[in-house]
Amino acid sequence: MTAPPPYDPSTFPDPVYKETVLRPLFDGAKDHHVDAFRAIDRAHLVMLHETGILSTEQARPIAEALVAIDREVDPKELTYTGEVEDFFFLIEKELRKRLGPDLAGRLHTARSRNDIDHTLFKLGLKDRIDPLLKRLLHLAETLASVAEREKSTLIVAYTHGQPAQPTTFGHYLCAVLETLLRDIARLEAARDIVDRSPMGAAAITTSGFPIDRHLMAHLLGFSQPLQNSYGCIASVDYTTSTYAAIELTFLHLGRFIQDLQFWTSFEVSQVYVPNAFVQISSIMPQKRNPVPIEHMRHLASQTVGRAHAVLTIMHNTPFTDMNDSEGESQGFGYGAFESGGRVLDLLAAIVPALQVNEDRVRQNIRRSCITITELADSLVRLEGLSFREAHEIASDVARAVVKIGGDIATDGFDAFLDAFEACAGRAPTVEQARFAEIVSPENFVAVRDRFGGPAPEALSEALAGYGETIAGIRDRMLSAQEREAASAQDLQSRFSALLGAR
């Protein structure tokens, strides 16, 4: 057996440091950032050439060497040995092998690992934000479609866990949709912060070389450079804003998912989940377990937890370039995109499949007397009573109906007559047929036709507005996609021209 070499504290890297820090960082770079590294190297070389910092005679062989490295070095096959500090120095080592130290070192003119790293992380976030936004948009479109389908379908709305008032499933889903659209706006705003290039900030203060930061931003697909160079390497709000938006999005969706869990319970049974999303018990043959809802709930919570953990990692860190915001923290945060994407895919599949159990809804409406608010409101309008007087009459009617387990429309009129006369000292003008109409859930919804209400006209107006908002999101996503594709094509064209220059 061969003995290990003696430990030398003067030789980098220390073997424990190598295994606990450097190897994971190297593996993270090769797993997540290889394509971005390549794009940065090529764009920076093009910029150095086009600004005259490097001549054609210098830039062309560097371009050829970068192509050779991409062709000959497969990052997936690399194992970290400690010969170089990180992935960046591996590429520099490969350049030196092909070009020699003088020419190879010229690619690093006017840049630092500081601005390179934050550019890598921003490109990595954009690559994850965009698919997440696409999923969020799909869910928004799904919610809008199902809300349109269910805009007249009655449900029981709950407050404090108790039946409160009737509304429609479409009205409820529009509330979820409206919140989701605000969450999408927050993530779009975060993406705008991400979409600003740090390249050219170098270590902290830019460079004395005549670099073109706007050209670098364009070639890498950013909308513009981030202006303050200190902020480029210190203000990691591109990370915190992204994960704050993700945390809020899945916190809010988790509340919707929890409603679905409650509404599908046997005792409530307001919503029916079809068999495609139901698992059976291994021992109890009567059980229908809509466990995908539970999976969405815990995955949403995992997403919230991962996103919040990233924010916690950034807490109380210095306002400068520091490892707390870099490779391992960025890689850790990517898990939030993975779990969040699973929630969005599953939720977008389940929502259209949900069916409102209309018989149970009507039974729950009848048992809970939740239309009684409209009786009080109608007595104010029709009988000229104060709301407090009307409320007392309605309360007496509800108590009497609940006591006998009756239906307010058919069993409440006599109690109404007694309560009205006791309070107002006269008989009401409202007759029995009108009373039954007033306390019907259909009337309850129909008269609530104010802005934002559940009545058909108000809800249709809301849905039209949501549709316009969704269309705007889709247009902005397409515009960004087209701009970035054009930038990638321009980088490829300029780099190819550099390869062919003589």
Protein backbone atom coordinates (compact mmCIF):
# COMPACT_ATOMS: atom_id res chain seq x y z
CA MET A 1 0.00 0.00 0.00
CA THR A 2 1.36 3.39 -1.04
CA ALA A 3 1.53 5.96 1.73
CA PRO A 4 -0.08 9.34 1.04
CA PRO A 5 2.35 12.20 0.37
CA PRO A 6 3.32 14.14 3.48
CA TYR A 7 1.14 17.13 4.30
CA ASP A 8 2.72 20.42 3.24
CA PRO A 9 0.95 23.47 4.74
CA SER A 10 2.68 25.75 2.24
CA THR A 11 1.22 24.03 -0.83
CA PHE A 12 -2.13 25.12 -2.25
CA PRO A 13 -4.69 23.72 -1.98
CA ASP A 14 -5.01 22.19 1.45
CA PRO A 15 -6.61 18.76 0.81
CA VAL A 16 -9.58 19.43 3.11
CA TYR A 17 -10.16 22.86 1.57
CA LYS A 18 -9.96 21.23 -1.85
CA GLU A 19 -12.68 18.69 -1.05
CA THR A 20 -15.01 20.88 0.99
CA VAL A 21 -14.90 24.10 -1.04
CA LEU A 22 -12.95 24.04 -4.29
CA ARG A 23 -14.30 20.77 -5.71
CA PRO A 24 -17.98 21.70 -5.09
CA LEU A 25 -17.40 25.12 -6.65
CA PHE A 26 -15.70 23.59 -9.68
CA ASP A 27 -18.47 21.05 -10.10
CA GLY A 28 -21.11 23.79 -9.77
CA ALA A 29 -19.42 25.83 -12.47
CA LYS A 30 -19.21 22.92 -14.90
CA ASP A 31 -22.79 21.87 -14.13
CA HIS A 32 -24.41 25.29 -14.42
CA HIS A 33 -22.24 27.90 -16.13
CA VAL A 34 -20.16 26.41 -18.97
CA ASP A 35 -22.19 27.96 -21.80
CA ALA A 36 -22.19 31.34 -20.09
CA PHE A 37 -18.40 31.15 -19.60
CA ARG A 38 -18.01 30.50 -23.31
CA ALA A 39 -20.31 33.39 -24.26
CA ILE A 40 -18.47 35.80 -21.94
CA ASP A 41 -15.06 34.84 -23.32
CA ARG A 42 -16.21 35.24 -26.91
CA ALA A 43 -18.06 38.50 -26.32
CA HIS A 44 -15.16 39.99 -24.37
CA LEU A 45 -12.71 39.03 -27.13
CA VAL A 46 -14.95 40.62 -29.78
CA MET A 47 -15.23 43.78 -27.67
CA LEU A 48 -11.46 43.97 -27.08
CA HIS A 49 -10.87 43.66 -30.83
CA GLU A 50 -13.57 46.11 -31.93
CA THR A 51 -12.35 48.77 -29.48
CA GLY A 52 -8.78 48.37 -30.69
CA ILE A 53 -7.48 47.05 -27.38
CA LEU A 54 -6.40 43.88 -29.19
CA SER A 55 -5.25 43.77 -32.78
CA THR A 56 -6.51 41.28 -35.30
CA GLU A 57 -3.19 39.46 -35.07
CA GLN A 58 -3.73 39.04 -31.35
CA ALA A 59 -7.46 38.38 -31.29
CA ARG A 60 -7.68 35.80 -34.11
CA PRO A 61 -5.49 33.10 -32.52
CA ILE A 62 -7.28 33.59 -29.21
CA ALA A 63 -10.59 33.01 -31.00
CA GLU A 64 -9.20 29.89 -32.64
CA ALA A 65 -7.94 28.60 -29.30
CA LEU A 66 -11.34 29.16 -27.68
CA VAL A 67 -12.95 27.11 -30.44
CA ALA A 68 -10.34 24.38 -29.98
CA ILE A 69 -10.93 24.27 -26.23
CA ASP A 70 -14.68 23.96 -26.73
CA ARG A 71 -14.08 21.12 -29.17
CA GLU A 72 -11.43 19.25 -27.21
CA VAL A 73 -12.39 19.75 -23.54
CA ASP A 74 -15.64 18.13 -22.42
CA PRO A 75 -16.60 19.70 -19.06
CA LYS A 76 -18.75 16.69 -18.17
CA GLU A 77 -15.63 14.52 -18.18
CA LEU A 78 -13.58 16.82 -15.99
CA THR A 79 -12.60 15.83 -12.45
CA TYR A 80 -11.28 18.48 -10.12
CA THR A 81 -7.62 17.80 -9.25
CA GLY A 82 -6.59 20.99 -7.48
CA GLU A 83 -4.04 21.86 -10.18
CA VAL A 84 -5.97 25.09 -10.81
CA GLU A 85 -8.11 27.07 -8.44
CA ASP A 86 -11.39 27.00 -10.39
CA PHE A 87 -13.03 26.62 -13.78
CA PHE A 88 -11.93 30.10 -14.90
CA PHE A 89 -8.27 29.25 -14.34
CA LEU A 90 -8.75 25.92 -16.11
CA ILE A 91 -9.73 27.77 -19.30
CA GLU A 92 -6.82 30.17 -18.85
CA LYS A 93 -4.49 27.19 -18.41
CA GLU A 94 -5.82 25.66 -21.64
CA LEU A 95 -5.24 28.96 -23.46
CA ARG A 96 -1.66 29.12 -22.18
CA LYS A 97 -1.01 25.56 -23.46
CA ARG A 98 -2.09 26.60 -26.96
CA LEU A 99 -0.90 30.21 -27.14
CA GLY A 100 1.79 30.79 -24.54
CA PRO A 101 1.48 33.04 -21.50
CA ASP A 102 1.75 36.41 -23.27
CA LEU A 103 -1.02 35.99 -25.84
CA ALA A 104 -3.23 33.84 -23.64
CA GLY A 105 -3.14 36.42 -20.86
CA ARG A 106 -4.40 39.19 -23.13
CA LEU A 107 -7.97 37.83 -23.07
CA HIS A 108 -8.25 38.87 -19.44
CA THR A 109 -7.49 42.51 -20.24
CA ALA A 110 -9.96 44.91 -18.52
CA ARG A 111 -11.96 42.27 -16.70
CA SER A 112 -11.99 40.44 -13.38
CA ARG A 113 -13.45 37.29 -11.94
CA ASN A 114 -15.71 39.69 -10.02
CA ASP A 115 -17.60 41.02 -13.01
CA ILE A 116 -17.36 37.64 -14.76
CA ASP A 117 -18.93 35.83 -11.81
CA HIS A 118 -21.87 38.18 -11.39
CA THR A 119 -22.45 38.06 -15.13
CA LEU A 120 -22.46 34.26 -14.98
CA PHE A 121 -24.97 34.30 -12.14
CA LYS A 122 -27.23 36.76 -13.92
CA LEU A 123 -27.19 34.68 -17.09
CA GLY A 124 -27.92 31.60 -14.97
CA LEU A 125 -30.89 33.32 -13.34
CA LYS A 126 -32.29 34.55 -16.66
CA ASP A 127 -32.12 30.99 -17.99
CA ARG A 128 -34.31 29.94 -15.05
CA ILE A 129 -36.58 32.94 -14.66
CA ASP A 130 -37.79 32.76 -18.24
CA PRO A 131 -39.10 29.15 -18.09
CA LEU A 132 -40.67 29.93 -14.71
CA LEU A 133 -42.39 33.00 -16.17
CA LYS A 134 -43.62 30.86 -19.05
CA ARG A 135 -45.15 28.40 -16.58
CA LEU A 136 -46.68 31.21 -14.55
CA LEU A 137 -48.19 32.69 -17.70
CA HIS A 138 -49.64 29.29 -18.63
CA LEU A 139 -51.20 29.00 -15.19
CA ALA A 140 -52.63 32.51 -15.50
CA GLU A 141 -54.17 31.62 -18.87
CA THR A 142 -55.55 28.41 -17.36
CA LEU A 143 -57.11 30.23 -14.41
CA ALA A 144 -58.68 32.79 -16.75
CA SER A 145 -60.12 30.05 -18.98
CA VAL A 146 -61.59 28.08 -16.08
CA ALA A 147 -62.91 31.27 -14.47
CA GLU A 148 -64.76 32.04 -17.72
CA ARG A 149 -66.18 28.52 -17.77
CA GLU A 150 -67.25 28.70 -14.13
CA LYS A 151 -68.32 32.33 -13.86
CA SER A 152 -71.91 31.36 -13.02
CA THR A 153 -71.14 28.30 -10.90
CA LEU A 154 -72.13 28.91 -7.30
CA ILE A 155 -69.77 28.10 -4.42
CA VAL A 156 -69.63 28.89 -0.71
CA ALA A 157 -67.06 31.56 0.20
CA TYR A 158 -65.49 31.05 3.62
CA THR A 159 -64.12 33.48 6.15
CA HIS A 160 -62.38 32.32 9.33
CA GLY A 161 -63.01 28.73 8.22
CA GLN A 162 -66.79 29.18 8.29
CA PRO A 163 -69.38 29.58 5.50
CA ALA A 164 -69.78 33.33 4.85
CA GLN A 165 -71.46 34.26 1.56
CA PRO A 166 -72.21 32.69 -1.80
CA THR A 167 -70.15 33.69 -4.79
CA THR A 168 -69.11 31.91 -7.97
CA PHE A 169 -66.15 29.68 -8.63
CA GLY A 170 -65.20 32.02 -11.46
CA HIS A 171 -65.15 34.98 -9.08
CA TYR A 172 -62.94 33.07 -6.65
CA LEU A 173 -60.52 31.96 -9.38
CA CYS A 174 -60.28 35.55 -10.61
CA ALA A 175 -59.11 36.57 -7.14
CA VAL A 176 -56.38 33.92 -7.36
CA LEU A 177 -55.56 35.06 -10.91
CA GLU A 178 -55.36 38.72 -9.94
CA THR A 179 -52.87 37.88 -7.19
CA LEU A 180 -50.88 35.70 -9.59
CA LEU A 181 -50.67 38.54 -12.11
CA ARG A 182 -49.23 40.80 -9.41
CA ASP A 183 -46.74 38.05 -8.56
CA ILE A 184 -45.77 37.80 -12.22
CA ALA A 185 -45.26 41.58 -12.28
CA ARG A 186 -42.91 41.27 -9.30
CA LEU A 187 -40.91 38.54 -11.04
CA GLU A 188 -40.82 40.60 -14.25
CA ALA A 189 -39.47 43.53 -12.24
CA ALA A 190 -36.84 41.25 -10.74
CA ARG A 191 -35.91 40.02 -14.20
CA ASP A 192 -35.40 43.61 -15.30
CA ILE A 193 -32.84 44.00 -12.50
CA VAL A 194 -31.16 40.74 -13.54
CA ASP A 195 -31.13 41.88 -17.17
CA ARG A 196 -28.36 44.47 -16.67
CA SER A 197 -24.79 43.48 -17.46
CA PRO A 198 -21.98 43.80 -14.87
CA MET A 199 -19.25 43.20 -17.48
CA GLY A 200 -16.76 46.03 -17.60
CA ALA A 201 -16.95 46.74 -13.89
CA ALA A 202 -13.81 44.59 -13.60
CA ALA A 203 -12.86 44.22 -9.92
CA ILE A 204 -14.74 47.30 -8.67
CA THR A 205 -14.02 50.51 -10.59
CA THR A 206 -14.08 49.63 -14.34
CA SER A 207 -10.83 50.04 -16.26
CA GLY A 208 -8.45 52.54 -17.81
CA PHE A 209 -8.79 50.67 -21.13
CA PRO A 210 -11.34 52.06 -23.63
CA ILE A 211 -13.82 49.22 -23.14
CA ASP A 212 -17.37 49.31 -24.51
CA ARG A 213 -19.73 48.14 -21.75
CA HIS A 214 -22.83 48.68 -23.89
CA LEU A 215 -21.45 46.42 -26.62
CA MET A 216 -20.71 43.73 -24.02
CA ALA A 217 -24.25 43.99 -22.65
CA HIS A 218 -25.69 43.66 -26.15
CA LEU A 219 -23.53 40.69 -27.16
CA LEU A 220 -24.51 38.79 -24.01
CA GLY A 221 -28.21 39.47 -24.45
CA PHE A 222 -28.64 41.98 -21.63
CA SER A 223 -30.95 44.95 -22.07
CA GLN A 224 -28.25 47.38 -20.88
CA PRO A 225 -25.21 47.57 -18.61
CA LEU A 226 -25.75 48.12 -14.88
CA GLN A 227 -24.36 51.61 -14.46
CA ASN A 228 -22.48 51.89 -11.17
CA SER A 229 -19.44 49.65 -11.28
CA TYR A 230 -19.29 49.21 -7.51
CA GLY A 231 -22.92 48.14 -7.56
CA CYS A 232 -22.14 45.64 -10.30
CA ILE A 233 -20.11 43.55 -7.90
CA ALA A 234 -21.77 44.50 -4.59
CA SER A 235 -25.51 45.06 -5.01
CA VAL A 236 -26.76 41.50 -5.20
CA ASP A 237 -30.35 42.75 -5.32
CA TYR A 238 -30.62 40.86 -8.60
CA THR A 239 -30.51 37.74 -6.44
CA THR A 240 -32.64 38.97 -3.54
CA SER A 241 -35.32 40.50 -5.77
CA THR A 242 -35.62 37.27 -7.74
CA TYR A 243 -35.97 35.01 -4.73
CA ALA A 244 -38.22 37.46 -2.89
CA ALA A 245 -40.58 37.39 -5.88
CA ILE A 246 -40.44 33.59 -5.98
CA GLU A 247 -41.06 33.33 -2.24
CA LEU A 248 -44.16 35.53 -2.45
CA THR A 249 -45.50 33.75 -5.54
CA PHE A 250 -45.46 30.33 -3.94
CA LEU A 251 -46.59 31.60 -0.56
CA HIS A 252 -49.67 32.99 -2.30
CA LEU A 253 -50.25 29.90 -4.43
CA GLY A 254 -49.91 27.78 -1.30
CA ARG A 255 -52.94 29.53 0.19
CA PHE A 256 -55.00 28.67 -2.90
CA ILE A 257 -53.78 25.08 -2.72
CA GLN A 258 -54.76 24.91 0.95
CA ASP A 259 -58.31 26.01 0.00
CA LEU A 260 -58.46 23.17 -2.48
CA GLN A 261 -57.40 20.78 0.28
CA PHE A 262 -60.18 22.07 2.54
CA TRP A 263 -62.83 22.21 -0.17
CA THR A 264 -62.19 18.60 -1.25
CA SER A 265 -62.58 17.24 2.29
CA PHE A 266 -65.47 14.83 2.84
CA GLU A 267 -67.26 17.19 5.19
CA VAL A 268 -67.15 20.14 2.77
CA SER A 269 -67.03 18.38 -0.64
CA GLN A 270 -67.43 21.66 -2.50
CA VAL A 271 -64.95 20.59 -5.18
CA TYR A 272 -64.62 17.16 -6.78
CA VAL A 273 -61.25 15.93 -8.02
CA PRO A 274 -61.52 13.37 -10.84
CA ASN A 275 -60.00 9.91 -10.58
CA ALA A 276 -56.94 10.81 -12.65
CA PHE A 277 -55.70 12.82 -9.66
CA VAL A 278 -56.90 10.49 -6.89
CA GLN A 279 -55.02 7.71 -5.12
CA ILE A 280 -56.64 4.97 -3.06
CA SER A 281 -55.82 3.76 0.42
CA SER A 282 -53.79 0.58 0.79
CA ILE A 283 -56.20 -0.70 3.44
CA MET A 284 -59.41 1.41 3.37
CA PRO A 285 -61.35 0.72 0.17
CA GLN A 286 -63.72 3.67 0.60
CA LYS A 287 -60.96 6.32 0.55
CA ARG A 288 -60.46 8.79 -2.32
CA ASN A 289 -57.27 10.68 -1.60
CA PRO A 290 -56.56 13.70 -3.84
CA VAL A 291 -52.91 13.56 -2.83
CA PRO A 292 -51.61 15.67 -5.74
CA ILE A 293 -53.01 18.63 -3.80
CA GLU A 294 -50.85 17.67 -0.83
CA HIS A 295 -47.82 17.34 -3.10
CA MET A 296 -48.46 20.81 -4.51
CA ARG A 297 -48.76 22.18 -0.98
CA HIS A 298 -45.49 20.72 0.29
CA LEU A 299 -43.64 21.53 -2.94
CA ALA A 300 -44.89 25.13 -2.73
CA SER A 301 -43.67 25.23 0.86
CA GLN A 302 -40.30 23.80 -0.16
CA THR A 303 -40.04 26.51 -2.80
CA VAL A 304 -40.87 29.21 -0.26
CA GLY A 305 -38.28 27.73 2.11
CA ARG A 306 -35.54 27.55 -0.51
CA ALA A 307 -36.20 31.08 -1.74
CA HIS A 308 -36.28 32.46 1.79
CA ALA A 309 -33.05 30.64 2.61
CA VAL A 310 -31.29 32.53 -0.21
CA LEU A 311 -32.50 35.81 1.28
CA THR A 312 -31.25 34.71 4.69
CA ILE A 313 -27.83 33.86 3.23
CA MET A 314 -27.57 37.45 1.93
CA HIS A 315 -28.61 38.96 5.27
CA ASN A 316 -25.97 41.00 7.11
CA THR A 317 -23.32 40.41 4.46
CA PRO A 318 -20.99 43.29 3.51
CA PHE A 319 -21.87 45.53 0.60
CA THR A 320 -19.08 44.28 -1.61
CA ASP A 321 -18.10 41.27 -3.70
CA MET A 322 -18.16 38.26 -1.36
CA ASN A 323 -18.52 34.51 -1.61
CA ASP A 324 -21.82 34.47 0.28
CA SER A 325 -23.63 35.53 -2.90
CA GLU A 326 -21.65 33.42 -5.33
CA GLY A 327 -21.38 29.91 -6.72
CA GLU A 328 -22.72 27.67 -3.97
CA SER A 329 -25.45 30.10 -2.91
CA GLN A 330 -26.56 30.53 -6.50
CA GLY A 331 -26.60 26.77 -7.04
CA PHE A 332 -28.55 26.26 -3.83
CA GLY A 333 -31.20 28.71 -5.01
CA TYR A 334 -31.74 26.89 -8.29
CA GLY A 335 -33.65 24.22 -6.37
CA ALA A 336 -36.46 26.73 -5.86
CA PHE A 337 -36.97 26.93 -9.62
CA GLU A 338 -37.13 23.14 -9.88
CA SER A 339 -39.69 22.59 -7.11
CA GLY A 340 -41.66 25.68 -8.10
CA GLY A 341 -41.88 24.52 -11.70
CA ARG A 342 -43.33 21.20 -10.57
CA VAL A 343 -46.03 23.03 -8.60
CA LEU A 344 -46.98 25.19 -11.57
CA ASP A 345 -47.16 22.27 -13.99
CA LEU A 346 -49.33 20.22 -11.64
CA LEU A 347 -51.59 23.11 -10.70
CA ALA A 348 -52.17 24.03 -14.35
CA ALA A 349 -53.19 20.40 -14.99
CA ILE A 350 -55.49 20.05 -11.97
CA VAL A 351 -57.42 23.34 -12.12
CA PRO A 352 -59.22 22.58 -15.43
CA ALA A 353 -60.13 19.11 -14.14
CA LEU A 354 -61.82 20.37 -10.96
CA GLN A 355 -65.59 20.12 -10.80
CA VAL A 356 -67.84 21.99 -8.39
CA ASN A 357 -70.23 19.65 -6.54
CA GLU A 358 -73.33 21.77 -7.12
CA ASP A 359 -75.67 19.63 -5.01
CA ARG A 360 -73.34 19.84 -2.01
CA VAL A 361 -72.87 23.57 -2.54
CA ARG A 362 -76.62 24.15 -2.44
CA GLN A 363 -76.93 21.94 0.62
CA ASN A 364 -74.19 23.90 2.39
CA ILE A 365 -75.77 27.21 1.39
CA ARG A 366 -79.12 26.04 2.75
CA ARG A 367 -77.69 24.73 6.02
CA SER A 368 -75.56 27.81 6.70
CA CYS A 369 -78.09 30.56 5.76
CA ILE A 370 -75.28 32.49 4.07
CA THR A 371 -77.64 34.52 1.88
CA ILE A 372 -79.01 36.28 4.96
CA THR A 373 -76.76 39.33 4.40
CA GLU A 374 -78.77 40.17 1.30
CA LEU A 375 -82.02 40.04 3.29
CA ALA A 376 -80.64 42.74 5.58
CA ASP A 377 -79.42 44.81 2.61
CA SER A 378 -82.76 44.45 0.80
CA LEU A 379 -84.75 45.53 3.85
CA VAL A 380 -82.74 48.75 3.94
CA ARG A 381 -83.50 49.41 0.28
CA LEU A 382 -87.10 48.17 0.15
CA GLU A 383 -88.45 48.89 3.63
CA GLY A 384 -86.51 52.03 4.54
CA LEU A 385 -85.02 50.52 7.71
CA SER A 386 -81.58 51.33 9.10
CA PHE A 387 -78.99 48.67 8.45
CA ARG A 388 -78.77 47.87 12.18
CA GLU A 389 -82.54 47.26 12.35
CA ALA A 390 -82.41 45.17 9.20
CA HIS A 391 -79.43 43.22 10.55
CA GLU A 392 -81.31 42.36 13.74
CA ILE A 393 -84.32 41.10 11.77
CA ALA A 394 -82.11 39.01 9.48
CA SER A 395 -80.26 37.59 12.49
CA ASP A 396 -83.54 36.49 14.11
CA VAL A 397 -84.62 34.81 10.87
CA ALA A 398 -81.30 32.95 10.52
CA ARG A 399 -81.41 31.67 14.09
CA ALA A 400 -84.96 30.39 13.64
CA VAL A 401 -84.14 28.58 10.38
CA VAL A 402 -80.91 27.04 11.69
CA LYS A 403 -82.73 25.84 14.80
CA ILE A 404 -85.11 23.69 12.75
CA GLY A 405 -82.49 22.72 10.14
CA GLY A 406 -84.64 24.37 7.49
CA ASP A 407 -84.25 26.19 4.20
CA ILE A 408 -84.43 29.95 4.53
CA ALA A 409 -86.33 30.37 1.26
CA THR A 410 -89.14 27.95 2.21
CA ASP A 411 -89.00 27.92 5.99
CA GLY A 412 -87.96 31.43 6.90
CA PHE A 413 -90.87 33.63 5.88
CA ASP A 414 -92.95 33.19 9.04
CA ALA A 415 -89.94 33.93 11.21
CA PHE A 416 -89.30 36.98 9.02
CA LEU A 417 -92.84 38.29 9.55
CA ASP A 418 -92.52 37.94 13.32
CA ALA A 419 -89.10 39.49 13.53
CA PHE A 420 -89.99 42.38 11.23
CA GLU A 421 -93.13 43.32 13.16
CA ALA A 422 -91.32 43.05 16.50
CA CYS A 423 -88.59 45.39 15.30
CA ALA A 424 -90.45 47.81 12.99
CA GLY A 425 -93.88 47.75 14.62
CA ARG A 426 -95.58 47.05 11.32
CA ALA A 427 -95.96 44.38 8.65
CA PRO A 428 -93.40 44.31 5.81
CA THR A 429 -94.31 45.09 2.21
CA VAL A 430 -92.12 42.20 1.06
CA GLU A 431 -94.32 39.22 0.21
CA GLN A 432 -93.37 35.55 0.37
CA ALA A 433 -92.37 35.14 -3.28
CA ARG A 434 -90.23 38.24 -3.16
CA PHE A 435 -88.70 37.07 0.12
CA ALA A 436 -87.70 33.73 -1.47
CA GLU A 437 -86.15 35.56 -4.41
CA ILE A 438 -84.19 37.91 -2.13
CA VAL A 439 -82.61 35.07 -0.13
CA SER A 440 -81.73 32.94 -3.17
CA PRO A 441 -78.00 32.55 -3.91
CA GLU A 442 -78.60 33.51 -7.55
CA ASN A 443 -80.03 36.87 -6.47
CA PHE A 444 -77.23 37.33 -3.96
CA VAL A 445 -74.67 37.12 -6.77
CA ALA A 446 -76.73 39.01 -9.37
CA VAL A 447 -77.19 42.17 -7.30
CA ARG A 448 -73.48 42.40 -6.53
CA ASP A 449 -72.70 43.96 -9.86
CA ARG A 450 -70.30 46.64 -8.68
CA PHE A 451 -66.71 46.88 -9.87
CA GLY A 452 -64.94 43.68 -8.81
CA GLY A 453 -68.10 41.84 -7.81
CA PRO A 454 -69.27 38.37 -8.87
CA ALA A 455 -72.28 39.43 -10.98
CA PRO A 456 -71.98 38.47 -14.66
CA GLU A 457 -71.29 41.93 -16.09
CA ALA A 458 -68.72 42.88 -13.45
CA LEU A 459 -66.97 39.53 -13.73
CA SER A 460 -66.91 39.66 -17.52
CA GLU A 461 -65.36 43.12 -17.35
CA ALA A 462 -62.70 41.81 -14.97
CA LEU A 463 -61.91 38.83 -17.17
CA ALA A 464 -61.47 41.11 -20.17
CA GLY A 465 -58.97 43.20 -18.21
CA TYR A 466 -57.07 40.13 -17.05
CA GLY A 467 -56.90 38.99 -20.65
CA GLU A 468 -55.27 42.28 -21.65
CA THR A 469 -52.76 41.96 -18.83
CA ILE A 470 -51.91 38.41 -19.86
CA ALA A 471 -51.46 39.49 -23.47
CA GLY A 472 -49.06 42.23 -22.33
CA ILE A 473 -46.99 39.72 -20.38
CA ARG A 474 -46.86 37.41 -23.38
CA ASP A 475 -45.77 40.28 -25.67
CA ARG A 476 -43.00 41.36 -23.28
CA MET A 477 -41.71 37.80 -22.98
CA LEU A 478 -41.67 37.41 -26.76
CA SER A 479 -39.91 40.75 -27.22
CA ALA A 480 -37.17 39.80 -24.74
CA GLN A 481 -36.79 36.39 -26.36
CA GLU A 482 -36.42 37.93 -29.82
CA ARG A 483 -33.94 40.56 -28.60
CA GLU A 484 -31.77 37.96 -26.88
CA ALA A 485 -31.88 35.65 -29.90
CA ALA A 486 -30.74 38.55 -32.08
CA SER A 487 -27.91 39.30 -29.64
CA ALA A 488 -26.77 35.68 -29.69
CA GLN A 489 -26.81 35.72 -33.48
CA ASP A 490 -24.85 38.96 -33.55
CA LEU A 491 -22.22 37.55 -31.18
CA GLN A 492 -21.89 34.45 -33.33
CA SER A 493 -21.57 36.57 -36.49
CA ARG A 494 -18.94 38.89 -35.03
CA PHE A 495 -16.95 36.04 -33.52
CA SER A 496 -17.05 34.12 -36.81
CA ALA A 497 -15.86 37.23 -38.64
CA LEU A 498 -13.00 37.50 -36.17
CA LEU A 499 -12.06 33.87 -36.85
CA GLY A 500 -11.98 34.58 -40.57
CA ALA A 501 -10.16 37.92 -40.37
CA ARG A 502 -6.69 38.21 -41.81
